[in-house]
Amino acid sequence: VIGFLKIMDLPSIRVAKPVWIARSEVLRAPASGVWKPAVEKAQTVAAGALLGRLTDPFGKAAQEIRAPFAGEVLYVVVTPPVSEGEPVAMVGETSSTLPAGG
């Protein structure tokens, strides 16, 4: 972007094999509690794979958060306390071709 905007004189470097995100979904905490992730960023997961558990402050399991579809973990929150509605992870389905409408 810096080269394109002519802020600095930089060579244009293109990605040889781009990876597209065909679809993605942000997974949110269904309740407030303590988030314990079971995956790491960039990990490949199957549909229904456990992404992490939400517990109450005393460690009692409250909810399991699972992958809605097979894909790659684009990010996962690693800080334990979460409030209801906050994002805890994002899963994306990658593709080597540009998705329709992109």
C-alpha atoms as a PDB file:
ATOM      1  CA  VAL A   1       0.000   0.000   0.000  1.00  0.00           C
ATOM      2  CA  ILE A   2       2.854   2.379   0.819  1.00  0.00           C
ATOM      3  CA  GLY A   3       4.328   1.882  -2.653  1.00  0.00           C
ATOM      4  CA  PHE A   4       0.928   2.105  -4.363  1.00  0.00           C
ATOM      5  CA  LEU A   5       0.195   5.416  -2.625  1.00  0.00           C
ATOM      6  CA  LYS A   6       3.711   6.610  -3.586  1.00  0.00           C
ATOM      7  CA  ILE A   7       4.606   7.347   0.031  1.00  0.00           C
ATOM      8  CA  MET A   8       7.890   5.493  -0.548  1.00  0.00           C
ATOM      9  CA  ASP A   9       9.539   4.113  -3.656  1.00  0.00           C
ATOM     10  CA  LEU A  10       9.021   0.378  -3.182  1.00  0.00           C
ATOM     11  CA  PRO A  11       8.886  -2.544  -5.599  1.00  0.00           C
ATOM     12  CA  SER A  12       5.526  -4.181  -6.157  1.00  0.00           C
ATOM     13  CA  ILE A  13       5.612  -7.672  -4.659  1.00  0.00           C
ATOM     14  CA  ARG A  14       2.791 -10.013  -5.548  1.00  0.00           C
ATOM     15  CA  VAL A  15       1.812 -13.195  -3.749  1.00  0.00           C
ATOM     16  CA  ALA A  16       2.503 -16.174  -6.032  1.00  0.00           C
ATOM     17  CA  LYS A  17      -0.310 -18.384  -4.703  1.00  0.00           C
ATOM     18  CA  PRO A  18      -2.915 -16.345  -2.815  1.00  0.00           C
ATOM     19  CA  VAL A  19      -5.257 -18.026  -0.366  1.00  0.00           C
ATOM     20  CA  TRP A  20      -8.803 -16.696  -0.232  1.00  0.00           C
ATOM     21  CA  ILE A  21     -11.246 -16.912   2.642  1.00  0.00           C
ATOM     22  CA  ALA A  22     -14.379 -18.330   0.975  1.00  0.00           C
ATOM     23  CA  ARG A  23     -16.494 -17.970   4.107  1.00  0.00           C
ATOM     24  CA  SER A  24     -15.879 -17.269   7.749  1.00  0.00           C
ATOM     25  CA  GLU A  25     -17.681 -17.082  11.038  1.00  0.00           C
ATOM     26  CA  VAL A  26     -16.880 -15.302  14.279  1.00  0.00           C
ATOM     27  CA  LEU A  27     -17.856 -17.429  17.267  1.00  0.00           C
ATOM     28  CA  ARG A  28     -19.040 -15.493  20.299  1.00  0.00           C
ATOM     29  CA  ALA A  29     -19.340 -16.343  23.981  1.00  0.00           C
ATOM     30  CA  PRO A  30     -22.937 -17.403  24.715  1.00  0.00           C
ATOM     31  CA  ALA A  31     -22.501 -16.281  28.345  1.00  0.00           C
ATOM     32  CA  SER A  32     -19.968 -14.531  30.564  1.00  0.00           C
ATOM     33  CA  GLY A  33     -17.309 -16.742  32.119  1.00  0.00           C
ATOM     34  CA  VAL A  34     -13.785 -18.076  31.782  1.00  0.00           C
ATOM     35  CA  TRP A  35     -12.691 -19.039  28.255  1.00  0.00           C
ATOM     36  CA  LYS A  36     -10.307 -21.982  27.843  1.00  0.00           C
ATOM     37  CA  PRO A  37      -9.235 -22.400  24.180  1.00  0.00           C
ATOM     38  CA  ALA A  38      -8.531 -25.907  22.864  1.00  0.00           C
ATOM     39  CA  VAL A  39      -7.012 -24.813  19.526  1.00  0.00           C
ATOM     40  CA  GLU A  40      -4.341 -22.461  18.235  1.00  0.00           C
ATOM     41  CA  LYS A  41      -4.342 -19.866  15.486  1.00  0.00           C
ATOM     42  CA  ALA A  42      -3.781 -21.366  11.994  1.00  0.00           C
ATOM     43  CA  GLN A  43      -4.827 -24.835  13.165  1.00  0.00           C
ATOM     44  CA  THR A  44      -6.996 -26.792  10.720  1.00  0.00           C
ATOM     45  CA  VAL A  45     -10.234 -28.070  12.248  1.00  0.00           C
ATOM     46  CA  ALA A  46     -13.049 -30.386  11.159  1.00  0.00           C
ATOM     47  CA  ALA A  47     -16.703 -29.426  11.348  1.00  0.00           C
ATOM     48  CA  GLY A  48     -17.831 -29.819  14.943  1.00  0.00           C
ATOM     49  CA  ALA A  49     -14.286 -29.785  16.352  1.00  0.00           C
ATOM     50  CA  LEU A  50     -13.941 -28.429  19.887  1.00  0.00           C
ATOM     51  CA  LEU A  51     -12.510 -24.888  19.803  1.00  0.00           C
ATOM     52  CA  GLY A  52     -12.714 -24.274  23.531  1.00  0.00           C
ATOM     53  CA  ARG A  53     -14.804 -24.384  26.681  1.00  0.00           C
ATOM     54  CA  LEU A  54     -16.508 -21.671  28.607  1.00  0.00           C
ATOM     55  CA  THR A  55     -16.662 -22.270  32.363  1.00  0.00           C
ATOM     56  CA  ASP A  56     -18.128 -20.394  35.271  1.00  0.00           C
ATOM     57  CA  PRO A  57     -15.638 -18.628  37.611  1.00  0.00           C
ATOM     58  CA  PHE A  58     -15.385 -21.801  39.736  1.00  0.00           C
ATOM     59  CA  GLY A  59     -14.344 -24.049  36.818  1.00  0.00           C
ATOM     60  CA  LYS A  60     -17.685 -25.765  36.225  1.00  0.00           C
ATOM     61  CA  ALA A  61     -18.171 -26.380  32.476  1.00  0.00           C
ATOM     62  CA  ALA A  62     -20.886 -24.146  31.065  1.00  0.00           C
ATOM     63  CA  GLN A  63     -20.594 -24.377  27.258  1.00  0.00           C
ATOM     64  CA  GLU A  64     -18.453 -25.953  24.558  1.00  0.00           C
ATOM     65  CA  ILE A  65     -17.730 -23.882  21.465  1.00  0.00           C
ATOM     66  CA  ARG A  66     -17.371 -25.983  18.310  1.00  0.00           C
ATOM     67  CA  ALA A  67     -16.393 -25.253  14.713  1.00  0.00           C
ATOM     68  CA  PRO A  68     -19.463 -24.608  12.544  1.00  0.00           C
ATOM     69  CA  PHE A  69     -17.675 -26.014   9.473  1.00  0.00           C
ATOM     70  CA  ALA A  70     -14.277 -27.415   8.475  1.00  0.00           C
ATOM     71  CA  GLY A  71     -11.614 -24.776   8.011  1.00  0.00           C
ATOM     72  CA  GLU A  72      -8.738 -22.922   9.591  1.00  0.00           C
ATOM     73  CA  VAL A  73      -8.712 -21.084  12.898  1.00  0.00           C
ATOM     74  CA  LEU A  74      -8.125 -17.466  11.822  1.00  0.00           C
ATOM     75  CA  TYR A  75      -7.855 -16.265  15.405  1.00  0.00           C
ATOM     76  CA  VAL A  76      -8.590 -17.483  18.902  1.00  0.00           C
ATOM     77  CA  VAL A  77      -8.810 -15.318  22.008  1.00  0.00           C
ATOM     78  CA  VAL A  78      -6.382 -16.462  24.700  1.00  0.00           C
ATOM     79  CA  THR A  79      -7.368 -14.135  27.541  1.00  0.00           C
ATOM     80  CA  PRO A  80      -9.544 -16.093  29.971  1.00  0.00           C
ATOM     81  CA  PRO A  81     -12.313 -13.704  31.079  1.00  0.00           C
ATOM     82  CA  VAL A  82     -15.046 -13.094  28.490  1.00  0.00           C
ATOM     83  CA  SER A  83     -18.416 -11.406  28.576  1.00  0.00           C
ATOM     84  CA  GLU A  84     -21.519 -12.624  26.810  1.00  0.00           C
ATOM     85  CA  GLY A  85     -21.380 -11.762  23.105  1.00  0.00           C
ATOM     86  CA  GLU A  86     -17.620 -11.205  22.935  1.00  0.00           C
ATOM     87  CA  PRO A  87     -15.725 -12.983  20.130  1.00  0.00           C
ATOM     88  CA  VAL A  88     -13.717 -16.032  21.235  1.00  0.00           C
ATOM     89  CA  ALA A  89     -12.592 -17.445  17.879  1.00  0.00           C
ATOM     90  CA  MET A  90     -12.995 -17.160  14.106  1.00  0.00           C
ATOM     91  CA  VAL A  91     -13.003 -20.028  11.630  1.00  0.00           C
ATOM     92  CA  GLY A  92     -12.491 -19.532   7.901  1.00  0.00           C
ATOM     93  CA  GLU A  93     -12.855 -21.846   4.942  1.00  0.00           C
ATOM     94  CA  THR A  94      -9.894 -21.275   2.655  1.00  0.00           C
ATOM     95  CA  SER A  95      -9.828 -21.607  -1.116  1.00  0.00           C
ATOM     96  CA  SER A  96      -7.137 -21.328  -3.778  1.00  0.00           C
ATOM     97  CA  THR A  97      -9.599 -19.613  -6.132  1.00  0.00           C
ATOM     98  CA  LEU A  98     -11.377 -16.298  -5.773  1.00  0.00           C
ATOM     99  CA  PRO A  99     -14.838 -16.881  -4.262  1.00  0.00           C
ATOM    100  CA  ALA A 100     -17.867 -15.907  -6.350  1.00  0.00           C
ATOM    101  CA  GLY A 101     -18.757 -12.274  -5.867  1.00  0.00           C
ATOM    102  CA  GLY A 102     -15.221 -11.433  -4.726  1.00  0.00           C
END
